[in-house]
C-alpha atoms as a PDB file:
ATOM      1  CA  MET A   1     184.564  64.283-139.287  1.00  0.00           C
ATOM      2  CA  VAL A   2     188.480  63.010-140.687  1.00  0.00           C
ATOM      3  CA  GLU A   3     191.120  65.007-140.294  1.00  0.00           C
ATOM      4  CA  SER A   4     193.138  64.403-142.812  1.00  0.00           C
ATOM      5  CA  GLN A   5     195.722  67.308-142.718  1.00  0.00           C
ATOM      6  CA  GLY A   6     199.396  66.666-141.945  1.00  0.00           C
ATOM      7  CA  LEU A   7     199.264  62.690-143.719  1.00  0.00           C
ATOM      8  CA  PRO A   8     201.464  61.294-145.928  1.00  0.00           C
ATOM      9  CA  GLU A   9     201.235  60.679-149.568  1.00  0.00           C
ATOM     10  CA  GLY A  10     199.988  57.905-149.542  1.00  0.00           C
ATOM     11  CA  MET A  11     197.663  57.603-147.096  1.00  0.00           C
ATOM     12  CA  TYR A  12     195.427  60.403-149.371  1.00  0.00           C
ATOM     13  CA  ARG A  13     196.593  57.249-152.543  1.00  0.00           C
ATOM     14  CA  LEU A  14     195.054  54.712-149.600  1.00  0.00           C
ATOM     15  CA  MET A  15     191.753  57.006-148.567  1.00  0.00           C
ATOM     16  CA  ALA A  16     190.472  57.497-152.140  1.00  0.00           C
ATOM     17  CA  LEU A  17     190.231  54.221-153.271  1.00  0.00           C
ATOM     18  CA  ALA A  18     188.509  53.331-150.506  1.00  0.00           C
ATOM     19  CA  ALA A  19     186.206  56.258-150.959  1.00  0.00           C
ATOM     20  CA  GLN A  20     185.321  54.752-154.125  1.00  0.00           C
ATOM     21  CA  GLY A  21     184.045  51.259-153.130  1.00  0.00           C
ATOM     22  CA  LYS A  22     180.716  50.193-152.740  1.00  0.00           C
ATOM     23  CA  VAL A  23     178.753  49.219-149.409  1.00  0.00           C
ATOM     24  CA  VAL A  24     176.341  46.041-150.081  1.00  0.00           C
ATOM     25  CA  ASP A  25     173.303  46.487-147.033  1.00  0.00           C
ATOM     26  CA  GLY A  26     173.595  43.993-145.122  1.00  0.00           C
ATOM     27  CA  GLY A  27     169.738  44.846-144.624  1.00  0.00           C
ATOM     28  CA  ASP A  28     167.292  44.489-142.027  1.00  0.00           C
ATOM     29  CA  GLY A  29     168.935  41.540-140.309  1.00  0.00           C
ATOM     30  CA  PRO A  30     169.520  37.949-140.400  1.00  0.00           C
ATOM     31  CA  SER A  31     167.691  36.249-143.351  1.00  0.00           C
ATOM     32  CA  HIS A  32     165.209  33.135-141.980  1.00  0.00           C
ATOM     33  CA  THR A  33     165.636  29.826-143.249  1.00  0.00           C
ATOM     34  CA  SER A  34     162.124  27.797-143.154  1.00  0.00           C
ATOM     35  CA  PHE A  35     162.628  24.271-141.087  1.00  0.00           C
ATOM     36  CA  LEU A  36     162.069  22.345-143.210  1.00  0.00           C
ATOM     37  CA  MET A  37     164.464  23.732-145.173  1.00  0.00           C
ATOM     38  CA  ARG A  38     167.587  23.324-141.789  1.00  0.00           C
ATOM     39  CA  VAL A  39     166.314  19.802-141.958  1.00  0.00           C
ATOM     40  CA  GLY A  40     166.747  18.537-145.237  1.00  0.00           C
ATOM     41  CA  GLN A  41     170.415  20.657-145.374  1.00  0.00           C
ATOM     42  CA  ARG A  42     171.087  18.467-141.973  1.00  0.00           C
ATOM     43  CA  VAL A  43     170.361  15.336-143.980  1.00  0.00           C
ATOM     44  CA  GLY A  44     172.403  16.264-146.183  1.00  0.00           C
ATOM     45  CA  GLU A  45     175.249  17.029-144.683  1.00  0.00           C
ATOM     46  CA  ILE A  46     174.245  13.615-142.966  1.00  0.00           C
ATOM     47  CA  ALA A  47     174.187  11.730-146.094  1.00  0.00           C
ATOM     48  CA  TRP A  48     177.653  13.866-147.727  1.00  0.00           C
ATOM     49  CA  GLY A  49     179.481  12.754-144.162  1.00  0.00           C
ATOM     50  CA  VAL A  50     177.896   8.897-144.258  1.00  0.00           C
ATOM     51  CA  MET A  51     179.154   8.745-147.793  1.00  0.00           C
ATOM     52  CA  ASP A  52     182.779  10.617-146.797  1.00  0.00           C
ATOM     53  CA  PHE A  53     183.608   8.187-144.415  1.00  0.00           C
ATOM     54  CA  LEU A  54     182.249   4.756-146.240  1.00  0.00           C
ATOM     55  CA  SER A  55     185.371   6.389-148.857  1.00  0.00           C
ATOM     56  CA  PHE A  56     188.132   6.665-147.022  1.00  0.00           C
ATOM     57  CA  LEU A  57     187.153   3.287-145.306  1.00  0.00           C
ATOM     58  CA  GLY A  58     187.303   1.623-148.937  1.00  0.00           C
ATOM     59  CA  GLU A  59     190.166   3.535-149.276  1.00  0.00           C
ATOM     60  CA  VAL A  60     191.483   1.979-146.441  1.00  0.00           C
ATOM     61  CA  ILE A  61     190.717  -1.316-146.996  1.00  0.00           C
ATOM     62  CA  LEU A  62     192.668  -0.951-150.479  1.00  0.00           C
ATOM     63  CA  ALA A  63     195.385   0.047-148.115  1.00  0.00           C
ATOM     64  CA  LEU A  64     195.163  -2.806-146.153  1.00  0.00           C
ATOM     65  CA  VAL A  65     195.176  -5.489-149.290  1.00  0.00           C
ATOM     66  CA  ARG A  66     197.611  -3.824-150.922  1.00  0.00           C
ATOM     67  CA  VAL A  67     200.330  -4.210-147.773  1.00  0.00           C
ATOM     68  CA  VAL A  68     198.931  -8.069-147.084  1.00  0.00           C
ATOM     69  CA  CYS A  69     200.239  -8.496-150.581  1.00  0.00           C
ATOM     70  CA  GLY A  70     203.021  -7.313-150.587  1.00  0.00           C
ATOM     71  CA  ARG A  71     202.349  -4.018-152.616  1.00  0.00           C
ATOM     72  CA  GLY A  72     201.899  -1.439-150.239  1.00  0.00           C
ATOM     73  CA  SER A  73     203.950   0.699-148.810  1.00  0.00           C
ATOM     74  CA  LEU A  74     203.941   0.606-144.999  1.00  0.00           C
ATOM     75  CA  ARG A  75     207.447   1.813-142.996  1.00  0.00           C
ATOM     76  CA  ARG A  76     208.638  -0.484-140.836  1.00  0.00           C
ATOM     77  CA  ASP A  77     209.950   1.941-138.299  1.00  0.00           C
ATOM     78  CA  ASP A  78     207.079   3.657-138.832  1.00  0.00           C
ATOM     79  CA  PHE A  79     204.466   0.717-137.328  1.00  0.00           C
ATOM     80  CA  LEU A  80     207.180  -0.008-134.829  1.00  0.00           C
ATOM     81  CA  LEU A  81     207.037   3.581-132.890  1.00  0.00           C
ATOM     82  CA  HIS A  82     203.419   3.584-132.806  1.00  0.00           C
ATOM     83  CA  LEU A  83     203.133   0.234-131.920  1.00  0.00           C
ATOM     84  CA  GLN A  84     205.006   2.172-128.988  1.00  0.00           C
ATOM     85  CA  ASP A  85     202.904   4.436-128.330  1.00  0.00           C
ATOM     86  CA  CYS A  86     199.680   2.449-128.485  1.00  0.00           C
ATOM     87  CA  GLY A  87     201.455   0.118-126.584  1.00  0.00           C
ATOM     88  CA  ALA A  88     204.263   0.362-123.619  1.00  0.00           C
ATOM     89  CA  SER A  89     202.936   4.262-123.315  1.00  0.00           C
ATOM     90  CA  ALA A  90     199.877   3.356-122.539  1.00  0.00           C
ATOM     91  CA  LEU A  91     200.466   1.285-119.834  1.00  0.00           C
ATOM     92  CA  PRO A  92     200.572   3.681-116.299  1.00  0.00           C
ATOM     93  CA  ILE A  93     196.994   5.444-117.545  1.00  0.00           C
ATOM     94  CA  VAL A  94     196.032   2.078-118.861  1.00  0.00           C
ATOM     95  CA  SER A  95     197.118   0.528-114.720  1.00  0.00           C
ATOM     96  CA  LEU A  96     195.455   3.161-113.088  1.00  0.00           C
ATOM     97  CA  ILE A  97     192.208   2.899-114.698  1.00  0.00           C
ATOM     98  CA  SER A  98     192.488  -0.618-114.007  1.00  0.00           C
ATOM     99  CA  ILE A  99     192.838  -1.075-110.762  1.00  0.00           C
ATOM    100  CA  VAL A 100     190.703   1.089-109.716  1.00  0.00           C
ATOM    101  CA  ILE A 101     187.890  -0.423-111.903  1.00  0.00           C
ATOM    102  CA  GLY A 102     188.052  -3.302-110.167  1.00  0.00           C
ATOM    103  CA  VAL A 103     188.360  -1.805-106.720  1.00  0.00           C
ATOM    104  CA  ILE A 104     185.106   0.629-107.165  1.00  0.00           C
ATOM    105  CA  PHE A 105     183.873  -2.970-108.802  1.00  0.00           C
ATOM    106  CA  ALA A 106     184.736  -4.498-105.517  1.00  0.00           C
ATOM    107  CA  PHE A 107     183.099  -2.408-103.813  1.00  0.00           C
ATOM    108  CA  VAL A 108     179.876  -1.888-105.058  1.00  0.00           C
ATOM    109  CA  GLY A 109     179.776  -5.530-104.610  1.00  0.00           C
ATOM    110  CA  SER A 110     180.166  -6.158-101.666  1.00  0.00           C
ATOM    111  CA  VAL A 111     177.650  -4.152-100.075  1.00  0.00           C
ATOM    112  CA  GLN A 112     175.037  -5.626-100.853  1.00  0.00           C
ATOM    113  CA  LEU A 113     176.282  -8.983-100.937  1.00  0.00           C
ATOM    114  CA  LYS A 114     177.373  -8.564 -97.418  1.00  0.00           C
ATOM    115  CA  MET A 115     174.037  -8.290 -96.356  1.00  0.00           C
ATOM    116  CA  PHE A 116     173.339 -11.649 -97.128  1.00  0.00           C
ATOM    117  CA  GLY A 117     176.930 -13.015 -96.046  1.00  0.00           C
ATOM    118  CA  ALA A 118     177.734 -14.164 -99.549  1.00  0.00           C
ATOM    119  CA  GLN A 119     180.955 -12.280-100.300  1.00  0.00           C
ATOM    120  CA  ILE A 120     182.795 -14.571-101.956  1.00  0.00           C
ATOM    121  CA  TYR A 121     180.359 -13.454-104.619  1.00  0.00           C
ATOM    122  CA  VAL A 122     182.702 -10.904-105.199  1.00  0.00           C
ATOM    123  CA  ALA A 123     185.440 -12.585-107.007  1.00  0.00           C
ATOM    124  CA  ASP A 124     182.147 -13.485-109.535  1.00  0.00           C
ATOM    125  CA  ILE A 125     180.906  -9.897-109.836  1.00  0.00           C
ATOM    126  CA  VAL A 126     184.808  -8.117-110.593  1.00  0.00           C
ATOM    127  CA  GLY A 127     186.402 -11.496-112.306  1.00  0.00           C
ATOM    128  CA  ILE A 128     183.226 -11.472-114.500  1.00  0.00           C
ATOM    129  CA  GLY A 129     182.889  -7.718-115.425  1.00  0.00           C
ATOM    130  CA  MET A 130     186.320  -7.045-115.972  1.00  0.00           C
ATOM    131  CA  ALA A 131     187.027  -9.359-118.720  1.00  0.00           C
ATOM    132  CA  ARG A 132     183.649  -8.590-120.565  1.00  0.00           C
ATOM    133  CA  GLU A 133     182.497  -5.326-120.103  1.00  0.00           C
ATOM    134  CA  MET A 134     184.917  -3.279-118.297  1.00  0.00           C
ATOM    135  CA  GLY A 135     188.902  -3.853-119.330  1.00  0.00           C
ATOM    136  CA  ALA A 136     187.753  -3.351-123.228  1.00  0.00           C
ATOM    137  CA  MET A 137     185.890  -0.362-122.713  1.00  0.00           C
ATOM    138  CA  MET A 138     187.759   1.317-120.356  1.00  0.00           C
ATOM    139  CA  ALA A 139     190.589   0.307-122.008  1.00  0.00           C
ATOM    140  CA  GLY A 140     189.124   1.547-125.405  1.00  0.00           C
ATOM    141  CA  ILE A 141     187.454   4.868-123.895  1.00  0.00           C
ATOM    142  CA  ILE A 142     191.514   5.152-122.509  1.00  0.00           C
ATOM    143  CA  MET A 143     192.903   4.423-126.366  1.00  0.00           C
ATOM    144  CA  ALA A 144     190.252   7.274-127.846  1.00  0.00           C
ATOM    145  CA  GLY A 145     191.161  10.579-125.607  1.00  0.00           C
ATOM    146  CA  ARG A 146     195.001   8.677-125.666  1.00  0.00           C
ATOM    147  CA  THR A 147     196.206   7.864-128.712  1.00  0.00           C
ATOM    148  CA  GLY A 148     192.282   8.528-131.254  1.00  0.00           C
ATOM    149  CA  ALA A 149     192.569  12.372-130.485  1.00  0.00           C
ATOM    150  CA  ALA A 150     197.044  11.934-130.995  1.00  0.00           C
ATOM    151  CA  PHE A 151     195.857  10.616-134.138  1.00  0.00           C
ATOM    152  CA  ALA A 152     193.382  12.944-135.285  1.00  0.00           C
ATOM    153  CA  ALA A 153     196.127  15.838-133.683  1.00  0.00           C
ATOM    154  CA  GLN A 154     198.553  14.836-136.209  1.00  0.00           C
ATOM    155  CA  ILE A 155     197.334  14.064-139.293  1.00  0.00           C
ATOM    156  CA  GLY A 156     195.981  17.310-139.266  1.00  0.00           C
ATOM    157  CA  THR A 157     198.842  19.526-138.395  1.00  0.00           C
ATOM    158  CA  MET A 158     200.593  17.410-141.386  1.00  0.00           C
ATOM    159  CA  GLN A 159     197.021  18.844-143.855  1.00  0.00           C
ATOM    160  CA  VAL A 160     197.833  22.947-142.393  1.00  0.00           C
ATOM    161  CA  ASN A 161     201.773  22.356-142.805  1.00  0.00           C
ATOM    162  CA  GLU A 162     200.808  20.777-146.534  1.00  0.00           C
ATOM    163  CA  GLU A 163     202.759  17.571-145.718  1.00  0.00           C
ATOM    164  CA  VAL A 164     199.956  15.129-147.001  1.00  0.00           C
ATOM    165  CA  ASP A 165     199.621  17.608-149.840  1.00  0.00           C
ATOM    166  CA  ALA A 166     203.088  16.520-150.737  1.00  0.00           C
ATOM    167  CA  LEU A 167     203.116  13.277-150.425  1.00  0.00           C
ATOM    168  CA  THR A 168     199.398  13.635-152.961  1.00  0.00           C
ATOM    169  CA  THR A 169     202.389  14.870-155.044  1.00  0.00           C
ATOM    170  CA  MET A 170     205.229  13.126-155.175  1.00  0.00           C
ATOM    171  CA  GLY A 171     202.719  10.398-156.413  1.00  0.00           C
ATOM    172  CA  LEU A 172     202.994   8.295-152.921  1.00  0.00           C
ATOM    173  CA  ASN A 173     199.370   7.121-151.702  1.00  0.00           C
ATOM    174  CA  PRO A 174     198.143   9.323-147.762  1.00  0.00           C
ATOM    175  CA  VAL A 175     196.834   6.323-146.387  1.00  0.00           C
ATOM    176  CA  ASP A 176     199.322   3.730-147.139  1.00  0.00           C
ATOM    177  CA  PHE A 177     201.566   5.695-145.074  1.00  0.00           C
ATOM    178  CA  LEU A 178     199.694   7.862-142.509  1.00  0.00           C
ATOM    179  CA  VAL A 179     196.379   5.494-141.523  1.00  0.00           C
ATOM    180  CA  VAL A 180     197.523   1.992-142.343  1.00  0.00           C
ATOM    181  CA  PRO A 181     200.420   1.919-139.637  1.00  0.00           C
ATOM    182  CA  ARG A 182     198.542   3.438-137.623  1.00  0.00           C
ATOM    183  CA  MET A 183     195.290   1.340-137.730  1.00  0.00           C
ATOM    184  CA  LEU A 184     197.373  -1.966-137.331  1.00  0.00           C
ATOM    185  CA  ALA A 185     199.306  -0.638-134.254  1.00  0.00           C
ATOM    186  CA  LEU A 186     196.396   0.602-132.241  1.00  0.00           C
ATOM    187  CA  VAL A 187     194.420  -2.547-133.650  1.00  0.00           C
ATOM    188  CA  ILE A 188     197.506  -4.550-132.466  1.00  0.00           C
ATOM    189  CA  MET A 189     197.789  -3.425-128.758  1.00  0.00           C
ATOM    190  CA  LEU A 190     194.839  -3.062-127.840  1.00  0.00           C
ATOM    191  CA  PRO A 191     194.047  -6.575-127.451  1.00  0.00           C
ATOM    192  CA  LEU A 192     197.079  -7.216-124.973  1.00  0.00           C
ATOM    193  CA  LEU A 193     196.085  -3.686-123.179  1.00  0.00           C
ATOM    194  CA  CYS A 194     192.497  -5.328-122.670  1.00  0.00           C
ATOM    195  CA  LEU A 195     194.174  -8.125-121.199  1.00  0.00           C
ATOM    196  CA  TYR A 196     196.480  -6.524-119.046  1.00  0.00           C
ATOM    197  CA  ALA A 197     193.589  -4.225-118.148  1.00  0.00           C
ATOM    198  CA  ILE A 198     191.523  -7.349-117.369  1.00  0.00           C
ATOM    199  CA  PHE A 199     194.234  -9.039-115.218  1.00  0.00           C
ATOM    200  CA  LEU A 200     194.990  -5.756-113.206  1.00  0.00           C
ATOM    201  CA  GLY A 201     191.380  -5.004-112.721  1.00  0.00           C
ATOM    202  CA  ILE A 202     190.959  -8.874-110.975  1.00  0.00           C
ATOM    203  CA  GLY A 203     193.997  -7.697-108.908  1.00  0.00           C
ATOM    204  CA  GLY A 204     192.327  -4.668-107.532  1.00  0.00           C
ATOM    205  CA  GLY A 205     189.475  -6.500-106.370  1.00  0.00           C
ATOM    206  CA  MET A 206     191.542  -9.706-104.482  1.00  0.00           C
ATOM    207  CA  ALA A 207     193.007  -6.993-102.215  1.00  0.00           C
ATOM    208  CA  ILE A 208     189.699  -5.453-101.667  1.00  0.00           C
ATOM    209  CA  GLY A 209     188.119  -8.785-101.249  1.00  0.00           C
ATOM    210  CA  VAL A 210     191.173 -10.239 -98.773  1.00  0.00           C
ATOM    211  CA  GLY A 211     191.898  -6.800 -97.222  1.00  0.00           C
ATOM    212  CA  MET A 212     188.138  -5.861 -95.956  1.00  0.00           C
ATOM    213  CA  LEU A 213     185.903  -9.100 -96.339  1.00  0.00           C
ATOM    214  CA  ASP A 214     188.049 -11.588 -94.924  1.00  0.00           C
ATOM    215  CA  ILE A 215     188.786 -13.632 -98.214  1.00  0.00           C
ATOM    216  CA  SER A 216     191.808 -15.842 -98.533  1.00  0.00           C
ATOM    217  CA  TRP A 217     193.932 -15.649-101.415  1.00  0.00           C
ATOM    218  CA  MET A 218     193.528 -18.723-102.462  1.00  0.00           C
ATOM    219  CA  GLN A 219     189.322 -19.042-101.496  1.00  0.00           C
ATOM    220  CA  TYR A 220     189.748 -15.681-104.088  1.00  0.00           C
ATOM    221  CA  TRP A 221     191.741 -17.079-106.812  1.00  0.00           C
ATOM    222  CA  ASN A 222     189.720 -19.918-106.626  1.00  0.00           C
ATOM    223  CA  GLU A 223     186.242 -18.718-106.950  1.00  0.00           C
ATOM    224  CA  THR A 224     187.736 -16.367-109.759  1.00  0.00           C
ATOM    225  CA  ARG A 225     189.170 -19.752-112.135  1.00  0.00           C
ATOM    226  CA  ALA A 226     185.514 -20.646-111.468  1.00  0.00           C
ATOM    227  CA  ALA A 227     183.521 -18.237-112.416  1.00  0.00           C
ATOM    228  CA  VAL A 228     186.029 -16.533-115.502  1.00  0.00           C
ATOM    229  CA  GLY A 229     186.492 -19.106-118.467  1.00  0.00           C
ATOM    230  CA  MET A 230     188.054 -19.158-121.639  1.00  0.00           C
ATOM    231  CA  THR A 231     184.842 -17.571-123.508  1.00  0.00           C
ATOM    232  CA  GLN A 232     184.532 -14.354-120.697  1.00  0.00           C
ATOM    233  CA  PHE A 233     188.343 -13.344-121.973  1.00  0.00           C
ATOM    234  CA  MET A 234     187.585 -14.349-125.750  1.00  0.00           C
ATOM    235  CA  HIS A 235     184.271 -12.038-125.325  1.00  0.00           C
ATOM    236  CA  GLY A 236     186.120  -8.923-123.911  1.00  0.00           C
ATOM    237  CA  ILE A 237     189.353  -9.223-126.073  1.00  0.00           C
ATOM    238  CA  LEU A 238     187.502  -9.795-129.327  1.00  0.00           C
ATOM    239  CA  LYS A 239     185.806  -6.735-128.380  1.00  0.00           C
ATOM    240  CA  SER A 240     188.929  -4.282-127.972  1.00  0.00           C
ATOM    241  CA  GLY A 241     190.095  -5.840-131.110  1.00  0.00           C
ATOM    242  CA  LEU A 242     186.716  -4.152-132.932  1.00  0.00           C
ATOM    243  CA  TYR A 243     187.368  -0.919-130.517  1.00  0.00           C
ATOM    244  CA  GLY A 244     190.323   0.024-132.211  1.00  0.00           C
ATOM    245  CA  VAL A 245     189.505  -0.067-135.493  1.00  0.00           C
ATOM    246  CA  ILE A 246     186.478   1.871-134.477  1.00  0.00           C
ATOM    247  CA  ILE A 247     189.036   4.445-133.210  1.00  0.00           C
ATOM    248  CA  ALA A 248     192.269   4.685-135.876  1.00  0.00           C
ATOM    249  CA  LEU A 249     189.286   4.291-138.338  1.00  0.00           C
ATOM    250  CA  ALA A 250     187.864   7.925-136.727  1.00  0.00           C
ATOM    251  CA  GLY A 251     191.101   9.428-135.778  1.00  0.00           C
ATOM    252  CA  CYS A 252     193.226   9.563-138.847  1.00  0.00           C
ATOM    253  CA  TYR A 253     189.625  10.234-140.707  1.00  0.00           C
ATOM    254  CA  HIS A 254     189.254  12.809-138.382  1.00  0.00           C
ATOM    255  CA  GLY A 255     192.521  13.602-138.937  1.00  0.00           C
ATOM    256  CA  MET A 256     192.262  13.616-143.103  1.00  0.00           C
ATOM    257  CA  ARG A 257     189.680  15.106-143.570  1.00  0.00           C
ATOM    258  CA  CYS A 258     190.364  18.541-141.182  1.00  0.00           C
ATOM    259  CA  GLY A 259     190.915  21.830-141.725  1.00  0.00           C
ATOM    260  CA  ARG A 260     193.717  24.466-142.976  1.00  0.00           C
ATOM    261  CA  SER A 261     194.077  26.605-139.455  1.00  0.00           C
ATOM    262  CA  ALA A 262     194.667  25.384-136.202  1.00  0.00           C
ATOM    263  CA  LEU A 263     191.157  25.405-134.606  1.00  0.00           C
ATOM    264  CA  ASP A 264     190.344  22.936-137.417  1.00  0.00           C
ATOM    265  CA  VAL A 265     192.917  20.411-136.078  1.00  0.00           C
ATOM    266  CA  GLY A 266     191.423  21.104-132.302  1.00  0.00           C
ATOM    267  CA  ASP A 267     188.114  20.058-133.639  1.00  0.00           C
ATOM    268  CA  ALA A 268     189.567  17.738-135.629  1.00  0.00           C
ATOM    269  CA  ALA A 269     190.602  15.769-132.188  1.00  0.00           C
ATOM    270  CA  THR A 270     187.815  16.493-130.524  1.00  0.00           C
ATOM    271  CA  ARG A 271     185.832  14.854-133.115  1.00  0.00           C
ATOM    272  CA  ALA A 272     187.531  12.111-132.678  1.00  0.00           C
ATOM    273  CA  VAL A 273     187.577  11.058-129.446  1.00  0.00           C
ATOM    274  CA  VAL A 274     183.124  12.382-129.300  1.00  0.00           C
ATOM    275  CA  SER A 275     183.284  10.034-132.894  1.00  0.00           C
ATOM    276  CA  SER A 276     184.835   7.173-130.924  1.00  0.00           C
ATOM    277  CA  ILE A 277     183.334   7.182-128.019  1.00  0.00           C
ATOM    278  CA  VAL A 278     179.840   6.966-129.443  1.00  0.00           C
ATOM    279  CA  GLY A 279     181.093   4.262-131.407  1.00  0.00           C
ATOM    280  CA  LEU A 280     182.317   1.959-128.628  1.00  0.00           C
ATOM    281  CA  VAL A 281     179.188   2.373-126.308  1.00  0.00           C
ATOM    282  CA  LEU A 282     177.250   1.482-129.323  1.00  0.00           C
ATOM    283  CA  ILE A 283     179.066  -1.346-130.924  1.00  0.00           C
ATOM    284  CA  ASP A 284     178.848  -2.470-127.356  1.00  0.00           C
ATOM    285  CA  GLY A 285     175.123  -2.546-126.967  1.00  0.00           C
ATOM    286  CA  VAL A 286     175.385  -4.545-130.114  1.00  0.00           C
ATOM    287  CA  ILE A 287     177.011  -7.149-128.978  1.00  0.00           C
ATOM    288  CA  ALA A 288     175.525  -6.723-125.936  1.00  0.00           C
ATOM    289  CA  VAL A 289     172.119  -8.199-127.386  1.00  0.00           C
ATOM    290  CA  VAL A 290     174.140 -10.323-130.163  1.00  0.00           C
ATOM    291  CA  THR A 291     175.226 -12.545-127.304  1.00  0.00           C
ATOM    292  CA  SER A 292     172.383 -12.464-125.103  1.00  0.00           C
ATOM    293  CA  ILE A 293     170.407 -13.458-127.790  1.00  0.00           C
ATOM    294  CA  LEU A 294     172.029 -16.608-128.773  1.00  0.00           C
ATOM    295  CA  GLY A 295     173.094 -17.620-125.070  1.00  0.00           C
ATOM    296  CA  VAL A 296     176.836 -16.702-125.286  1.00  0.00           C
END
């Protein structure tokens, strides 16, 4: 029983309107769909997501063609800003992780090699591991968590603030202004970060080899030069360029497809990081199989 005495006149009118509303019966419980229907819905969602991503990829390719042909809108200031963010600003965290990975490789290899008195081959393990795999992979994972998430959050916030709609309303292509500069910056800087990570990882392994395994600097350096050739370096650098494409596409795609709330921005950043890392691992596995078959 609701006591309604002493209420303002406006409240009486609101209560009267509420009393005229219809109550919808929700039923005995939630409706249950069959297993096959749920599978079909999920397959349909995946198929729609793949088609949507391919559509976005086509837009990006067309935008890159326009930029190459001189008909695109690539702002120099934005491009330089993204170059700095993807390059110099990422050096501290890349330096730390690369040195630690080199130290870990040296420790793990030395434990087994000491049994045979072959500590010198720690240089081979660290050099080949960093040049072929870990330099590119660790730089890619760092940039996926740092830069890929930033791309998704930045573009997603612009979606929430309707800035992307404003670009479209003014007759400007959002892909030209938001996606292309970020992608080019990351694709250019990630191979350089990979090369930087390789040398720092080798330096971390060298510090362990010289300081704990009684190997001279010159011995370690000569063994590294003998084990790691230009093919190993190019293998990692080319992979890192491909990783840059994957990270930039994932970050920008989830940012452009972000919803209109703050929660959607966080979800877009999370999906961008997860998609990037999964893509890196899958591509790395495919490249490893292909290069093994080709004997590279």
